[in-house]
Amino acid sequence: MKLFIAGHQGMVGSALVRRFQSEPGVSLLLRNRHELDLLSQAAVETFYAAEKPDVAIIAAAKVGGIHANNTYPADFLFENLAIAANTIHAAFRHKVSRLLFLGSSCIYPKLAPQPMPEDSLLTSALEPTNEAYAIAKIAGLKLCQAYRRQHGVLFHSAMPTNLYGPGDNYHAQNSHVLPALIRRFDAAREAGQAEVVAWGTGRPMREFLHVDDLADACAFLLQLSNPPDWINVGTGTDVTIKELTECVAAVTGYKGRITWDATKPDGTPRKLMDVSRLTALGWRAKLGLREGIEKTYASFLAEKAAGRLRT
């Protein structure tokens, strides 16, 4: 099987490479952004025509935290729409037998029921700060669904919860909460800071999935003969931001005080995926949060020492 992993150098793509590189009978097709511009329809068409992949996993995306999404909505909407349209349409034209498109939990409405079920999609308004990214991911999901319905091709989607793991983005402004905490507490420990001030009350609850668990879920979904058009991938459990912060502090070895600035915004009170459909099919996440953070911090230190940290 020739497997094309789009976005193989990102955090998710790297995990997919780790998962499939030793799989018997699988030959990986990998191209970096200099070798294949996914924003170019012509380039993507040429690649599919020449390489003829049997299966494609679309993990490529322009991603970032709240600040980045809110600051560059046009970039997030255009680039993610282009990646989805080009990779999915070319896969259909060149007879790729199966395609798995990866989205995000942000496709669901801001006020979706908690936990968020798959059928809450498009039932009310999105969270404004990441609306552009969410719309692009919804379009990719719907494009897969439409090709499957109209042409009978096995194109389907997976919607992961908040991800973390090796190769994450540790940018000071544009990173997500968990890598931002790892970077911050690691720096505070090195500097001997007596106090770290965290934003908000610490009461909001969030769910986190290690990226290696996502890769395993993708392998599981690709083995299903009749997968759902889209399905949630997560742990089904969540923690408060306070619990998360204290866990990261402990793992990094920070011994100082953590205080909370309640004048800063908390954000959405809760964001948890309903993973009952995936659980019923027979898949569960394996890595607990503490173990996952320990593994991620070890990779953070290794990446930092080697000068490969994404910042």
C-alpha atoms as a PDB file:
ATOM      1  CA  MET A   1       0.000   0.000   0.000  1.00  0.00           C
ATOM      2  CA  LYS A   2       1.345   3.410  -0.999  1.00  0.00           C
ATOM      3  CA  LEU A   3       0.327   5.817   1.792  1.00  0.00           C
ATOM      4  CA  PHE A   4       0.552   9.562   1.248  1.00  0.00           C
ATOM      5  CA  ILE A   5       0.766  11.540   4.497  1.00  0.00           C
ATOM      6  CA  ALA A   6       0.192  15.219   3.748  1.00  0.00           C
ATOM      7  CA  GLY A   7       1.912  17.383   6.355  1.00  0.00           C
ATOM      8  CA  HIS A   8       4.315  14.683   7.543  1.00  0.00           C
ATOM      9  CA  GLN A   9       6.719  17.144   9.210  1.00  0.00           C
ATOM     10  CA  GLY A  10       4.126  18.635  11.555  1.00  0.00           C
ATOM     11  CA  MET A  11       3.304  17.278  14.990  1.00  0.00           C
ATOM     12  CA  VAL A  12       0.416  15.116  13.733  1.00  0.00           C
ATOM     13  CA  GLY A  13       2.129  14.071  10.519  1.00  0.00           C
ATOM     14  CA  SER A  14       5.284  13.040  12.380  1.00  0.00           C
ATOM     15  CA  ALA A  15       3.207  10.847  14.684  1.00  0.00           C
ATOM     16  CA  LEU A  16       1.569   9.233  11.656  1.00  0.00           C
ATOM     17  CA  VAL A  17       5.005   8.524  10.167  1.00  0.00           C
ATOM     18  CA  ARG A  18       6.091   6.901  13.452  1.00  0.00           C
ATOM     19  CA  ARG A  19       2.939   4.793  13.459  1.00  0.00           C
ATOM     20  CA  PHE A  20       3.086   3.579   9.843  1.00  0.00           C
ATOM     21  CA  GLN A  21       6.804   3.460   8.990  1.00  0.00           C
ATOM     22  CA  SER A  22       7.221  -0.052  10.392  1.00  0.00           C
ATOM     23  CA  GLU A  23       3.817  -1.322   9.256  1.00  0.00           C
ATOM     24  CA  PRO A  24       4.282  -4.384   6.999  1.00  0.00           C
ATOM     25  CA  GLY A  25       3.340  -3.756   3.401  1.00  0.00           C
ATOM     26  CA  VAL A  26       3.120   0.039   3.752  1.00  0.00           C
ATOM     27  CA  SER A  27       5.263   2.322   1.600  1.00  0.00           C
ATOM     28  CA  LEU A  28       5.192   5.964   2.736  1.00  0.00           C
ATOM     29  CA  LEU A  29       4.908   8.835   0.256  1.00  0.00           C
ATOM     30  CA  LEU A  30       6.283  11.949   1.940  1.00  0.00           C
ATOM     31  CA  ARG A  31       6.885  15.430   0.543  1.00  0.00           C
ATOM     32  CA  ASN A  32       7.827  18.592   2.417  1.00  0.00           C
ATOM     33  CA  ARG A  33       6.359  21.977   1.518  1.00  0.00           C
ATOM     34  CA  HIS A  34       9.328  22.808  -0.731  1.00  0.00           C
ATOM     35  CA  GLU A  35       8.841  19.589  -2.695  1.00  0.00           C
ATOM     36  CA  LEU A  36       5.039  19.829  -2.888  1.00  0.00           C
ATOM     37  CA  ASP A  37       3.043  23.037  -2.502  1.00  0.00           C
ATOM     38  CA  LEU A  38      -0.385  21.905  -1.304  1.00  0.00           C
ATOM     39  CA  LEU A  39      -1.759  25.384  -2.025  1.00  0.00           C
ATOM     40  CA  SER A  40      -1.127  24.785  -5.748  1.00  0.00           C
ATOM     41  CA  GLN A  41      -3.802  22.748  -7.464  1.00  0.00           C
ATOM     42  CA  ALA A  42      -1.477  22.030 -10.398  1.00  0.00           C
ATOM     43  CA  ALA A  43       1.325  20.801  -8.141  1.00  0.00           C
ATOM     44  CA  VAL A  44      -0.993  18.500  -6.203  1.00  0.00           C
ATOM     45  CA  GLU A  45      -2.504  17.111  -9.430  1.00  0.00           C
ATOM     46  CA  THR A  46       0.981  16.415 -10.813  1.00  0.00           C
ATOM     47  CA  PHE A  47       2.021  14.649  -7.606  1.00  0.00           C
ATOM     48  CA  TYR A  48      -1.021  12.357  -7.490  1.00  0.00           C
ATOM     49  CA  ALA A  49      -0.708  11.553 -11.211  1.00  0.00           C
ATOM     50  CA  ALA A  50       2.958  10.600 -10.882  1.00  0.00           C
ATOM     51  CA  GLU A  51       2.946   8.773  -7.529  1.00  0.00           C
ATOM     52  CA  LYS A  52      -0.530   7.169  -7.575  1.00  0.00           C
ATOM     53  CA  PRO A  53      -1.036   6.715  -3.813  1.00  0.00           C
ATOM     54  CA  ASP A  54      -3.487   4.054  -2.686  1.00  0.00           C
ATOM     55  CA  VAL A  55      -4.397   5.815   0.563  1.00  0.00           C
ATOM     56  CA  ALA A  56      -4.041   9.431   1.699  1.00  0.00           C
ATOM     57  CA  ILE A  57      -4.159  10.969   5.159  1.00  0.00           C
ATOM     58  CA  ILE A  58      -4.566  14.746   5.070  1.00  0.00           C
ATOM     59  CA  ALA A  59      -2.806  16.013   8.205  1.00  0.00           C
ATOM     60  CA  ALA A  60      -1.466  19.212   6.626  1.00  0.00           C
ATOM     61  CA  ALA A  61      -2.940  22.463   7.942  1.00  0.00           C
ATOM     62  CA  LYS A  62      -2.117  26.001   8.921  1.00  0.00           C
ATOM     63  CA  VAL A  63      -2.565  25.879  12.691  1.00  0.00           C
ATOM     64  CA  GLY A  64      -2.126  28.131  15.718  1.00  0.00           C
ATOM     65  CA  GLY A  65      -3.606  29.247  18.999  1.00  0.00           C
ATOM     66  CA  ILE A  66      -6.320  31.818  19.704  1.00  0.00           C
ATOM     67  CA  HIS A  67      -4.009  34.778  19.064  1.00  0.00           C
ATOM     68  CA  ALA A  68      -2.884  33.505  15.667  1.00  0.00           C
ATOM     69  CA  ASN A  69      -6.391  32.494  14.573  1.00  0.00           C
ATOM     70  CA  ASN A  70      -7.831  35.830  15.612  1.00  0.00           C
ATOM     71  CA  THR A  71      -5.033  37.876  14.030  1.00  0.00           C
ATOM     72  CA  TYR A  72      -4.749  36.115  10.651  1.00  0.00           C
ATOM     73  CA  PRO A  73      -8.270  34.872   9.769  1.00  0.00           C
ATOM     74  CA  ALA A  74      -7.828  35.317   6.002  1.00  0.00           C
ATOM     75  CA  ASP A  75      -4.633  33.236   6.020  1.00  0.00           C
ATOM     76  CA  PHE A  76      -6.222  30.488   8.095  1.00  0.00           C
ATOM     77  CA  LEU A  77      -9.370  30.341   5.955  1.00  0.00           C
ATOM     78  CA  PHE A  78      -7.711  30.485   2.531  1.00  0.00           C
ATOM     79  CA  GLU A  79      -4.782  28.144   3.189  1.00  0.00           C
ATOM     80  CA  ASN A  80      -6.827  25.455   4.915  1.00  0.00           C
ATOM     81  CA  LEU A  81      -9.577  25.639   2.285  1.00  0.00           C
ATOM     82  CA  ALA A  82      -6.977  25.306  -0.482  1.00  0.00           C
ATOM     83  CA  ILE A  83      -5.252  22.333   1.187  1.00  0.00           C
ATOM     84  CA  ALA A  84      -8.566  20.514   1.647  1.00  0.00           C
ATOM     85  CA  ALA A  85      -9.905  21.232  -1.843  1.00  0.00           C
ATOM     86  CA  ASN A  86      -6.680  20.377  -3.652  1.00  0.00           C
ATOM     87  CA  THR A  87      -5.832  17.170  -1.814  1.00  0.00           C
ATOM     88  CA  ILE A  88      -9.374  15.751  -1.763  1.00  0.00           C
ATOM     89  CA  HIS A  89     -10.301  16.593  -5.363  1.00  0.00           C
ATOM     90  CA  ALA A  90      -7.006  15.297  -6.768  1.00  0.00           C
ATOM     91  CA  ALA A  91      -7.380  12.094  -4.740  1.00  0.00           C
ATOM     92  CA  PHE A  92     -10.753  11.522  -6.389  1.00  0.00           C
ATOM     93  CA  ARG A  93      -9.478  12.329  -9.887  1.00  0.00           C
ATOM     94  CA  HIS A  94      -6.532   9.969  -9.563  1.00  0.00           C
ATOM     95  CA  LYS A  95      -8.498   7.100  -8.032  1.00  0.00           C
ATOM     96  CA  VAL A  96      -7.064   7.060  -4.520  1.00  0.00           C
ATOM     97  CA  SER A  97      -8.954   4.179  -2.917  1.00  0.00           C
ATOM     98  CA  ARG A  98      -9.241   5.731   0.536  1.00  0.00           C
ATOM     99  CA  LEU A  99      -8.735   9.150   2.136  1.00  0.00           C
ATOM    100  CA  LEU A 100      -8.811  10.225   5.785  1.00  0.00           C
ATOM    101  CA  PHE A 101      -9.152  13.965   6.406  1.00  0.00           C
ATOM    102  CA  LEU A 102      -8.164  15.313   9.824  1.00  0.00           C
ATOM    103  CA  GLY A 103     -10.108  18.200  11.302  1.00  0.00           C
ATOM    104  CA  SER A 104     -10.497  19.647  14.785  1.00  0.00           C
ATOM    105  CA  SER A 105     -12.909  19.879  17.684  1.00  0.00           C
ATOM    106  CA  CYS A 106     -13.345  23.586  16.858  1.00  0.00           C
ATOM    107  CA  ILE A 107     -15.743  22.605  14.051  1.00  0.00           C
ATOM    108  CA  TYR A 108     -18.467  22.320  16.687  1.00  0.00           C
ATOM    109  CA  PRO A 109     -20.574  25.287  17.848  1.00  0.00           C
ATOM    110  CA  LYS A 110     -19.389  27.511  20.670  1.00  0.00           C
ATOM    111  CA  LEU A 111     -22.445  26.489  22.693  1.00  0.00           C
ATOM    112  CA  ALA A 112     -22.509  22.822  21.680  1.00  0.00           C
ATOM    113  CA  PRO A 113     -23.737  20.308  24.273  1.00  0.00           C
ATOM    114  CA  GLN A 114     -21.020  18.944  26.556  1.00  0.00           C
ATOM    115  CA  PRO A 115     -19.630  16.430  25.731  1.00  0.00           C
ATOM    116  CA  MET A 116     -19.862  17.466  22.057  1.00  0.00           C
ATOM    117  CA  PRO A 117     -21.501  14.805  19.849  1.00  0.00           C
ATOM    118  CA  GLU A 118     -20.871  14.533  16.117  1.00  0.00           C
ATOM    119  CA  ASP A 119     -24.461  15.529  15.311  1.00  0.00           C
ATOM    120  CA  SER A 120     -24.028  18.937  16.962  1.00  0.00           C
ATOM    121  CA  LEU A 121     -22.185  20.081  13.821  1.00  0.00           C
ATOM    122  CA  LEU A 122     -23.759  23.189  12.226  1.00  0.00           C
ATOM    123  CA  THR A 123     -26.491  23.489  14.852  1.00  0.00           C
ATOM    124  CA  SER A 124     -25.461  26.983  16.037  1.00  0.00           C
ATOM    125  CA  ALA A 125     -22.736  29.647  15.782  1.00  0.00           C
ATOM    126  CA  LEU A 126     -19.012  28.883  15.968  1.00  0.00           C
ATOM    127  CA  GLU A 127     -16.500  30.343  18.414  1.00  0.00           C
ATOM    128  CA  PRO A 128     -15.612  33.695  16.739  1.00  0.00           C
ATOM    129  CA  THR A 129     -11.878  33.604  17.537  1.00  0.00           C
ATOM    130  CA  ASN A 130     -11.226  30.472  15.461  1.00  0.00           C
ATOM    131  CA  GLU A 131     -14.174  30.668  13.069  1.00  0.00           C
ATOM    132  CA  ALA A 132     -11.966  30.881   9.955  1.00  0.00           C
ATOM    133  CA  TYR A 133     -10.062  27.688  10.753  1.00  0.00           C
ATOM    134  CA  ALA A 134     -13.274  25.896  11.757  1.00  0.00           C
ATOM    135  CA  ILE A 135     -15.071  26.830   8.516  1.00  0.00           C
ATOM    136  CA  ALA A 136     -12.183  25.485   6.438  1.00  0.00           C
ATOM    137  CA  LYS A 137     -12.184  22.201   8.373  1.00  0.00           C
ATOM    138  CA  ILE A 138     -15.965  21.894   8.076  1.00  0.00           C
ATOM    139  CA  ALA A 139     -15.608  22.414   4.319  1.00  0.00           C
ATOM    140  CA  GLY A 140     -13.026  19.605   4.123  1.00  0.00           C
ATOM    141  CA  LEU A 141     -15.246  17.273   6.132  1.00  0.00           C
ATOM    142  CA  LYS A 142     -18.260  18.089   3.967  1.00  0.00           C
ATOM    143  CA  LEU A 143     -16.210  17.708   0.781  1.00  0.00           C
ATOM    144  CA  CYS A 144     -15.242  14.163   1.818  1.00  0.00           C
ATOM    145  CA  GLN A 145     -18.863  13.418   2.681  1.00  0.00           C
ATOM    146  CA  ALA A 146     -20.058  14.790  -0.663  1.00  0.00           C
ATOM    147  CA  TYR A 147     -17.549  12.808  -2.748  1.00  0.00           C
ATOM    148  CA  ARG A 148     -18.477   9.669  -0.835  1.00  0.00           C
ATOM    149  CA  ARG A 149     -22.195  10.267  -1.344  1.00  0.00           C
ATOM    150  CA  GLN A 150     -21.978  11.266  -5.005  1.00  0.00           C
ATOM    151  CA  HIS A 151     -19.195   8.976  -6.227  1.00  0.00           C
ATOM    152  CA  GLY A 152     -19.070   6.131  -3.698  1.00  0.00           C
ATOM    153  CA  VAL A 153     -15.431   6.715  -2.750  1.00  0.00           C
ATOM    154  CA  LEU A 154     -14.271   5.870   0.773  1.00  0.00           C
ATOM    155  CA  PHE A 155     -13.354   9.378   1.893  1.00  0.00           C
ATOM    156  CA  HIS A 156     -13.987  10.058   5.601  1.00  0.00           C
ATOM    157  CA  SER A 157     -12.834  12.312   8.418  1.00  0.00           C
ATOM    158  CA  ALA A 158     -11.599  12.271  12.014  1.00  0.00           C
ATOM    159  CA  MET A 159     -12.062  15.181  14.417  1.00  0.00           C
ATOM    160  CA  PRO A 160      -9.435  15.107  17.195  1.00  0.00           C
ATOM    161  CA  THR A 161      -9.629  17.015  20.453  1.00  0.00           C
ATOM    162  CA  ASN A 162      -6.763  19.235  21.719  1.00  0.00           C
ATOM    163  CA  LEU A 163      -3.504  17.533  20.728  1.00  0.00           C
ATOM    164  CA  TYR A 164      -0.027  17.620  22.227  1.00  0.00           C
ATOM    165  CA  GLY A 165       3.199  15.657  21.931  1.00  0.00           C
ATOM    166  CA  PRO A 166       6.638  15.572  20.254  1.00  0.00           C
ATOM    167  CA  GLY A 167       7.212  18.279  17.663  1.00  0.00           C
ATOM    168  CA  ASP A 168       4.602  20.669  19.079  1.00  0.00           C
ATOM    169  CA  ASN A 169       4.755  24.432  18.485  1.00  0.00           C
ATOM    170  CA  TYR A 170       6.215  26.307  21.467  1.00  0.00           C
ATOM    171  CA  HIS A 171       5.883  29.835  20.052  1.00  0.00           C
ATOM    172  CA  ALA A 172       5.489  32.444  22.800  1.00  0.00           C
ATOM    173  CA  GLN A 173       2.283  33.939  21.315  1.00  0.00           C
ATOM    174  CA  ASN A 174       0.951  31.416  18.806  1.00  0.00           C
ATOM    175  CA  SER A 175       1.154  28.110  20.701  1.00  0.00           C
ATOM    176  CA  HIS A 176      -1.661  26.197  22.374  1.00  0.00           C
ATOM    177  CA  VAL A 177      -2.122  26.017  26.133  1.00  0.00           C
ATOM    178  CA  LEU A 178      -0.199  22.836  26.964  1.00  0.00           C
ATOM    179  CA  PRO A 179       3.017  23.575  25.014  1.00  0.00           C
ATOM    180  CA  ALA A 180       2.820  27.186  26.234  1.00  0.00           C
ATOM    181  CA  LEU A 181       2.751  25.920  29.830  1.00  0.00           C
ATOM    182  CA  ILE A 182       5.664  23.544  29.228  1.00  0.00           C
ATOM    183  CA  ARG A 183       7.797  26.320  27.795  1.00  0.00           C
ATOM    184  CA  ARG A 184       6.823  28.756  30.529  1.00  0.00           C
ATOM    185  CA  PHE A 185       7.471  26.456  33.493  1.00  0.00           C
ATOM    186  CA  ASP A 186      10.693  25.139  32.000  1.00  0.00           C
ATOM    187  CA  ALA A 187      11.934  28.736  31.674  1.00  0.00           C
ATOM    188  CA  ALA A 188      10.717  29.598  35.192  1.00  0.00           C
ATOM    189  CA  ARG A 189      12.565  26.600  36.646  1.00  0.00           C
ATOM    190  CA  GLU A 190      15.779  27.504  34.820  1.00  0.00           C
ATOM    191  CA  ALA A 191      15.540  31.141  35.944  1.00  0.00           C
ATOM    192  CA  GLY A 192      14.679  30.222  39.541  1.00  0.00           C
ATOM    193  CA  GLN A 193      11.477  32.283  39.463  1.00  0.00           C
ATOM    194  CA  ALA A 194       9.663  32.358  42.800  1.00  0.00           C
ATOM    195  CA  GLU A 195       6.263  32.842  41.177  1.00  0.00           C
ATOM    196  CA  VAL A 196       4.411  32.143  37.943  1.00  0.00           C
ATOM    197  CA  VAL A 197       1.205  34.085  37.307  1.00  0.00           C
ATOM    198  CA  ALA A 198      -1.397  32.132  35.320  1.00  0.00           C
ATOM    199  CA  TRP A 199      -4.329  33.711  33.477  1.00  0.00           C
ATOM    200  CA  GLY A 200      -7.925  33.392  34.640  1.00  0.00           C
ATOM    201  CA  THR A 201      -9.365  31.348  37.469  1.00  0.00           C
ATOM    202  CA  GLY A 202      -8.099  27.931  36.371  1.00  0.00           C
ATOM    203  CA  ARG A 203     -11.648  26.564  36.439  1.00  0.00           C
ATOM    204  CA  PRO A 204     -12.292  25.949  32.697  1.00  0.00           C
ATOM    205  CA  MET A 205     -12.068  22.300  31.686  1.00  0.00           C
ATOM    206  CA  ARG A 206     -10.226  20.930  28.662  1.00  0.00           C
ATOM    207  CA  GLU A 207      -9.529  17.546  27.094  1.00  0.00           C
ATOM    208  CA  PHE A 208      -6.081  16.573  25.791  1.00  0.00           C
ATOM    209  CA  LEU A 209      -5.024  13.707  23.508  1.00  0.00           C
ATOM    210  CA  HIS A 210      -1.432  12.639  22.922  1.00  0.00           C
ATOM    211  CA  VAL A 211      -0.633  12.746  19.220  1.00  0.00           C
ATOM    212  CA  ASP A 212       0.591   9.126  19.215  1.00  0.00           C
ATOM    213  CA  ASP A 213      -2.875   8.063  20.362  1.00  0.00           C
ATOM    214  CA  LEU A 214      -4.375  10.020  17.454  1.00  0.00           C
ATOM    215  CA  ALA A 215      -2.057   8.216  15.016  1.00  0.00           C
ATOM    216  CA  ASP A 216      -3.180   4.892  16.456  1.00  0.00           C
ATOM    217  CA  ALA A 217      -6.833   5.936  16.086  1.00  0.00           C
ATOM    218  CA  CYS A 218      -6.187   6.820  12.424  1.00  0.00           C
ATOM    219  CA  ALA A 219      -4.725   3.355  11.804  1.00  0.00           C
ATOM    220  CA  PHE A 220      -7.802   1.858  13.468  1.00  0.00           C
ATOM    221  CA  LEU A 221     -10.221   3.927  11.356  1.00  0.00           C
ATOM    222  CA  LEU A 222      -8.444   2.987   8.127  1.00  0.00           C
ATOM    223  CA  GLN A 223      -9.147  -0.671   8.876  1.00  0.00           C
ATOM    224  CA  LEU A 224     -12.919  -0.168   9.121  1.00  0.00           C
ATOM    225  CA  SER A 225     -14.868  -1.287   6.068  1.00  0.00           C
ATOM    226  CA  ASN A 226     -17.658   1.234   6.601  1.00  0.00           C
ATOM    227  CA  PRO A 227     -16.455   4.097   8.836  1.00  0.00           C
ATOM    228  CA  PRO A 228     -18.684   7.037   9.781  1.00  0.00           C
ATOM    229  CA  ASP A 229     -18.392  10.111   7.543  1.00  0.00           C
ATOM    230  CA  TRP A 230     -16.736  11.824  10.485  1.00  0.00           C
ATOM    231  CA  ILE A 231     -15.977  10.751  14.024  1.00  0.00           C
ATOM    232  CA  ASN A 232     -14.626  12.343  17.194  1.00  0.00           C
ATOM    233  CA  VAL A 233     -11.239  11.225  18.511  1.00  0.00           C
ATOM    234  CA  GLY A 234     -10.399  12.003  22.126  1.00  0.00           C
ATOM    235  CA  THR A 235     -10.026  10.564  25.588  1.00  0.00           C
ATOM    236  CA  GLY A 236     -13.558  11.288  26.786  1.00  0.00           C
ATOM    237  CA  THR A 237     -12.145  12.838  29.978  1.00  0.00           C
ATOM    238  CA  ASP A 238     -11.094  16.374  30.851  1.00  0.00           C
ATOM    239  CA  VAL A 239      -9.211  18.311  33.526  1.00  0.00           C
ATOM    240  CA  THR A 240      -9.360  21.864  34.828  1.00  0.00           C
ATOM    241  CA  ILE A 241      -6.749  24.312  33.576  1.00  0.00           C
ATOM    242  CA  LYS A 242      -5.607  24.534  37.210  1.00  0.00           C
ATOM    243  CA  GLU A 243      -5.018  20.770  37.342  1.00  0.00           C
ATOM    244  CA  LEU A 244      -3.229  20.893  33.992  1.00  0.00           C
ATOM    245  CA  THR A 245      -1.025  23.787  35.124  1.00  0.00           C
ATOM    246  CA  GLU A 246      -0.069  22.065  38.367  1.00  0.00           C
ATOM    247  CA  CYS A 247       0.718  18.845  36.494  1.00  0.00           C
ATOM    248  CA  VAL A 248       3.016  20.646  34.026  1.00  0.00           C
ATOM    249  CA  ALA A 249       4.740  22.467  36.903  1.00  0.00           C
ATOM    250  CA  ALA A 250       5.368  19.133  38.656  1.00  0.00           C
ATOM    251  CA  VAL A 251       6.660  17.400  35.526  1.00  0.00           C
ATOM    252  CA  THR A 252       9.056  20.247  34.688  1.00  0.00           C
ATOM    253  CA  GLY A 253      10.344  20.361  38.272  1.00  0.00           C
ATOM    254  CA  TYR A 254       9.183  23.903  38.997  1.00  0.00           C
ATOM    255  CA  LYS A 255       9.053  24.454  42.782  1.00  0.00           C
ATOM    256  CA  GLY A 256       7.755  28.036  43.031  1.00  0.00           C
ATOM    257  CA  ARG A 257       4.271  29.476  43.593  1.00  0.00           C
ATOM    258  CA  ILE A 258       1.475  29.507  41.051  1.00  0.00           C
ATOM    259  CA  THR A 259      -0.949  32.412  41.398  1.00  0.00           C
ATOM    260  CA  TRP A 260      -4.021  33.142  39.315  1.00  0.00           C
ATOM    261  CA  ASP A 261      -4.950  36.472  37.750  1.00  0.00           C
ATOM    262  CA  ALA A 262      -8.752  36.316  37.723  1.00  0.00           C
ATOM    263  CA  THR A 263      -8.957  39.648  35.862  1.00  0.00           C
ATOM    264  CA  LYS A 264      -7.860  37.781  32.702  1.00  0.00           C
ATOM    265  CA  PRO A 265     -10.457  35.913  30.593  1.00  0.00           C
ATOM    266  CA  ASP A 266     -11.180  32.231  31.165  1.00  0.00           C
ATOM    267  CA  GLY A 267     -12.584  31.395  27.749  1.00  0.00           C
ATOM    268  CA  THR A 268     -15.160  28.652  27.170  1.00  0.00           C
ATOM    269  CA  PRO A 269     -16.048  26.933  30.469  1.00  0.00           C
ATOM    270  CA  ARG A 270     -15.809  23.408  29.061  1.00  0.00           C
ATOM    271  CA  LYS A 271     -14.814  21.715  25.809  1.00  0.00           C
ATOM    272  CA  LEU A 272     -15.090  17.927  25.843  1.00  0.00           C
ATOM    273  CA  MET A 273     -15.609  15.519  22.949  1.00  0.00           C
ATOM    274  CA  ASP A 274     -18.267  12.817  23.000  1.00  0.00           C
ATOM    275  CA  VAL A 275     -16.228   9.766  21.926  1.00  0.00           C
ATOM    276  CA  SER A 276     -18.939   7.170  22.498  1.00  0.00           C
ATOM    277  CA  ARG A 277     -19.158   6.288  18.784  1.00  0.00           C
ATOM    278  CA  LEU A 278     -15.433   5.556  18.537  1.00  0.00           C
ATOM    279  CA  THR A 279     -15.485   3.644  21.822  1.00  0.00           C
ATOM    280  CA  ALA A 280     -18.388   1.532  20.547  1.00  0.00           C
ATOM    281  CA  LEU A 281     -16.332   0.663  17.460  1.00  0.00           C
ATOM    282  CA  GLY A 282     -13.555  -0.647  19.722  1.00  0.00           C
ATOM    283  CA  TRP A 283     -10.899   2.062  20.120  1.00  0.00           C
ATOM    284  CA  ARG A 284      -9.763   3.886  23.277  1.00  0.00           C
ATOM    285  CA  ALA A 285      -6.845   6.213  24.020  1.00  0.00           C
ATOM    286  CA  LYS A 286      -3.968   4.500  25.829  1.00  0.00           C
ATOM    287  CA  LEU A 287      -1.787   7.303  27.237  1.00  0.00           C
ATOM    288  CA  GLY A 288      -2.853   8.992  30.471  1.00  0.00           C
ATOM    289  CA  LEU A 289      -2.325  12.741  30.718  1.00  0.00           C
ATOM    290  CA  ARG A 290       0.522  12.660  33.272  1.00  0.00           C
ATOM    291  CA  GLU A 291       2.419  10.013  31.283  1.00  0.00           C
ATOM    292  CA  GLY A 292       1.793  11.907  28.062  1.00  0.00           C
ATOM    293  CA  ILE A 293       3.076  15.190  29.517  1.00  0.00           C
ATOM    294  CA  GLU A 294       6.181  13.420  30.841  1.00  0.00           C
ATOM    295  CA  LYS A 295       6.916  12.009  27.384  1.00  0.00           C
ATOM    296  CA  THR A 296       6.257  15.384  25.781  1.00  0.00           C
ATOM    297  CA  TYR A 297       8.525  17.239  28.214  1.00  0.00           C
ATOM    298  CA  ALA A 298      11.309  14.742  27.520  1.00  0.00           C
ATOM    299  CA  SER A 299      10.938  15.417  23.788  1.00  0.00           C
ATOM    300  CA  PHE A 300      10.801  19.188  24.475  1.00  0.00           C
ATOM    301  CA  LEU A 301      14.164  19.007  26.268  1.00  0.00           C
ATOM    302  CA  ALA A 302      15.667  16.883  23.484  1.00  0.00           C
ATOM    303  CA  GLU A 303      14.376  19.238  20.779  1.00  0.00           C
ATOM    304  CA  LYS A 304      15.665  22.264  22.697  1.00  0.00           C
ATOM    305  CA  ALA A 305      19.116  20.706  23.195  1.00  0.00           C
ATOM    306  CA  ALA A 306      19.329  19.857  19.491  1.00  0.00           C
ATOM    307  CA  GLY A 307      18.169  23.343  18.405  1.00  0.00           C
ATOM    308  CA  ARG A 308      15.070  21.875  16.737  1.00  0.00           C
ATOM    309  CA  LEU A 309      12.405  23.442  18.975  1.00  0.00           C
ATOM    310  CA  ARG A 310       9.530  25.018  17.021  1.00  0.00           C
ATOM    311  CA  THR A 311       9.223  28.535  18.436  1.00  0.00           C
END
